[in-house]
Amino acid sequence: MTQHQNSQTMKPATAAKKLGVYLEATPADFQEGVVSRGELNELQADPPAWLQELRQNGPHPRPVVAAKLGISISGLARGGVTEALTTEQIEALKAEAPEWLVKERATQSEVRKETVRIKERNAQRAADQAAREQSA
């Protein structure tokens, strides 16, 4: 089987998502062009100043905002946060700790605990099944 020599490209929105940055805050030439896999790898390996600035100070896309707040993207929506936020705005929200944020953090914590419980249960079931098969 031969490898394709064509460079795989992606839309700027896809590249911004992979880089974890808010597309509308990227430079115009990034937003208007296409990004090759090689260019994406280069941006990740050696980020230019604009990318470092966006990653550090934002504005951040909703998945990044949610992660920094320790909640889900759905929790952001329930809390009324629909826009990209800067690091400063995120820190202010954390300091303010509105009721919705406290509630969403508690919900997210419960979801994580349940995920761990299910993973452990499934691992135990697999171990039990392997033991039964081995003894049969």
Protein backbone atom coordinates (compact mmCIF):
# COMPACT_ATOMS: atom_id res chain seq x y z
CA MET A 1 0.00 0.00 0.00
CA THR A 2 1.43 3.40 -0.92
CA GLN A 3 1.20 6.43 1.27
CA HIS A 4 -0.55 9.52 0.02
CA GLN A 5 1.86 12.33 -0.65
CA ASN A 6 -0.92 14.94 -0.59
CA SER A 7 -0.89 17.17 2.44
CA GLN A 8 -4.02 16.73 4.50
CA THR A 9 -5.69 20.08 5.18
CA MET A 10 -8.40 21.26 7.53
CA LYS A 11 -10.64 24.25 7.92
CA PRO A 12 -9.47 26.99 10.29
CA ALA A 13 -12.30 26.12 12.72
CA THR A 14 -11.04 22.55 13.00
CA ALA A 15 -7.44 23.70 13.49
CA ALA A 16 -8.51 26.23 16.15
CA LYS A 17 -10.43 23.49 17.97
CA LYS A 18 -7.39 21.20 17.89
CA LEU A 19 -5.21 24.06 19.17
CA GLY A 20 -7.74 24.88 21.93
CA VAL A 21 -8.22 28.50 20.89
CA TYR A 22 -11.19 30.68 20.00
CA LEU A 23 -11.27 31.02 16.19
CA GLU A 24 -12.58 34.59 16.15
CA ALA A 25 -9.58 35.73 18.20
CA THR A 26 -7.00 34.26 15.80
CA PRO A 27 -5.24 36.40 13.15
CA ALA A 28 -7.13 37.05 9.91
CA ASP A 29 -4.70 35.04 7.78
CA PHE A 30 -5.32 32.00 10.01
CA GLN A 31 -9.11 32.43 9.81
CA GLU A 32 -9.17 32.85 6.03
CA GLY A 33 -6.82 30.08 4.93
CA VAL A 34 -6.58 26.34 5.30
CA VAL A 35 -4.21 24.60 7.67
CA SER A 36 -2.20 21.55 6.68
CA ARG A 37 -1.43 18.76 9.12
CA GLY A 38 2.23 19.83 8.97
CA GLU A 39 1.36 23.44 9.78
CA LEU A 40 -0.80 22.29 12.70
CA ASN A 41 2.03 20.15 14.05
CA GLU A 42 4.41 23.10 13.70
CA LEU A 43 1.97 25.40 15.54
CA GLN A 44 1.69 22.86 18.36
CA ALA A 45 5.43 22.23 18.58
CA ASP A 46 6.56 25.84 18.31
CA PRO A 47 3.57 28.14 18.94
CA PRO A 48 3.92 31.71 17.64
CA ALA A 49 3.40 34.67 19.99
CA TRP A 50 -0.29 35.11 19.03
CA LEU A 51 -1.04 31.46 19.87
CA GLN A 52 0.82 31.63 23.19
CA GLU A 53 -1.09 34.81 24.07
CA LEU A 54 -4.47 33.26 23.22
CA ARG A 55 -3.71 30.12 25.21
CA GLN A 56 -2.61 32.13 28.20
CA ASN A 57 -5.09 35.01 28.27
CA GLY A 58 -7.91 34.07 25.92
CA PRO A 59 -10.57 34.62 24.91
CA HIS A 60 -11.02 30.89 25.36
CA PRO A 61 -13.57 28.66 23.58
CA ARG A 62 -16.33 27.10 25.67
CA PRO A 63 -14.62 23.69 26.15
CA VAL A 64 -11.57 25.44 27.61
CA VAL A 65 -13.72 27.74 29.77
CA ALA A 66 -15.63 24.74 31.09
CA ALA A 67 -12.41 22.86 31.87
CA LYS A 68 -10.89 25.87 33.65
CA LEU A 69 -14.05 26.22 35.75
CA GLY A 70 -14.23 22.48 36.44
CA ILE A 71 -17.68 22.04 34.93
CA SER A 72 -19.26 20.64 31.77
CA ILE A 73 -20.07 22.61 28.63
CA SER A 74 -23.76 21.98 29.40
CA GLY A 75 -23.15 23.46 32.84
CA LEU A 76 -21.83 26.61 31.19
CA ALA A 77 -25.02 26.90 29.17
CA ARG A 78 -27.19 26.32 32.24
CA GLY A 79 -25.20 29.06 33.96
CA GLY A 80 -25.91 31.44 31.10
CA VAL A 81 -22.34 31.56 29.77
CA THR A 82 -22.59 31.43 26.00
CA GLU A 83 -19.63 33.56 24.93
CA ALA A 84 -15.89 33.02 25.00
CA LEU A 85 -14.26 34.27 28.21
CA THR A 86 -10.80 35.59 28.94
CA THR A 87 -8.61 34.13 31.66
CA GLU A 88 -9.31 37.25 33.74
CA GLN A 89 -13.08 36.75 33.42
CA ILE A 90 -12.74 33.07 34.35
CA GLU A 91 -10.71 33.93 37.44
CA ALA A 92 -13.30 36.57 38.41
CA LEU A 93 -16.07 33.97 38.10
CA LYS A 94 -14.10 31.55 40.28
CA ALA A 95 -13.57 34.23 42.91
CA GLU A 96 -17.22 35.30 42.82
CA ALA A 97 -18.39 31.65 43.00
CA PRO A 98 -22.00 32.24 41.95
CA GLU A 99 -24.52 29.65 43.10
CA TRP A 100 -24.84 28.08 39.63
CA LEU A 101 -21.07 27.53 39.44
CA VAL A 102 -20.92 25.88 42.86
CA LYS A 103 -23.83 23.62 41.87
CA GLU A 104 -22.28 22.71 38.51
CA ARG A 105 -18.92 21.92 40.12
CA ALA A 106 -20.67 19.60 42.58
CA THR A 107 -22.54 17.92 39.72
CA GLN A 108 -19.32 17.47 37.75
CA SER A 109 -17.63 15.99 40.81
CA GLU A 110 -20.42 13.45 41.18
CA VAL A 111 -20.19 12.56 37.48
CA ARG A 112 -16.44 11.94 37.85
CA LYS A 113 -16.98 9.75 40.92
CA GLU A 114 -19.62 7.72 39.10
CA THR A 115 -17.34 7.31 36.08
CA VAL A 116 -14.58 5.94 38.33
CA ARG A 117 -17.03 3.61 40.08
CA ILE A 118 -18.27 2.19 36.78
CA LYS A 119 -14.74 1.76 35.46
CA GLU A 120 -13.71 -0.12 38.62
CA ARG A 121 -16.87 -2.27 38.47
CA ASN A 122 -16.21 -3.17 34.84
CA ALA A 123 -12.56 -4.00 35.60
CA GLN A 124 -13.69 -6.28 38.44
CA ARG A 125 -16.25 -7.99 36.19
CA ALA A 126 -13.57 -8.55 33.53
CA ALA A 127 -11.20 -10.00 36.14
CA ASP A 128 -13.95 -12.29 37.48
CA GLN A 129 -14.81 -13.44 33.95
CA ALA A 130 -11.14 -14.14 33.18
CA ALA A 131 -10.82 -16.14 36.41
CA ARG A 132 -13.93 -18.18 35.55
CA GLU A 133 -12.64 -18.89 32.04
CA GLN A 134 -9.23 -19.87 33.37
CA SER A 135 -10.67 -22.31 35.91
CA ALA A 136 -13.05 -23.90 33.37
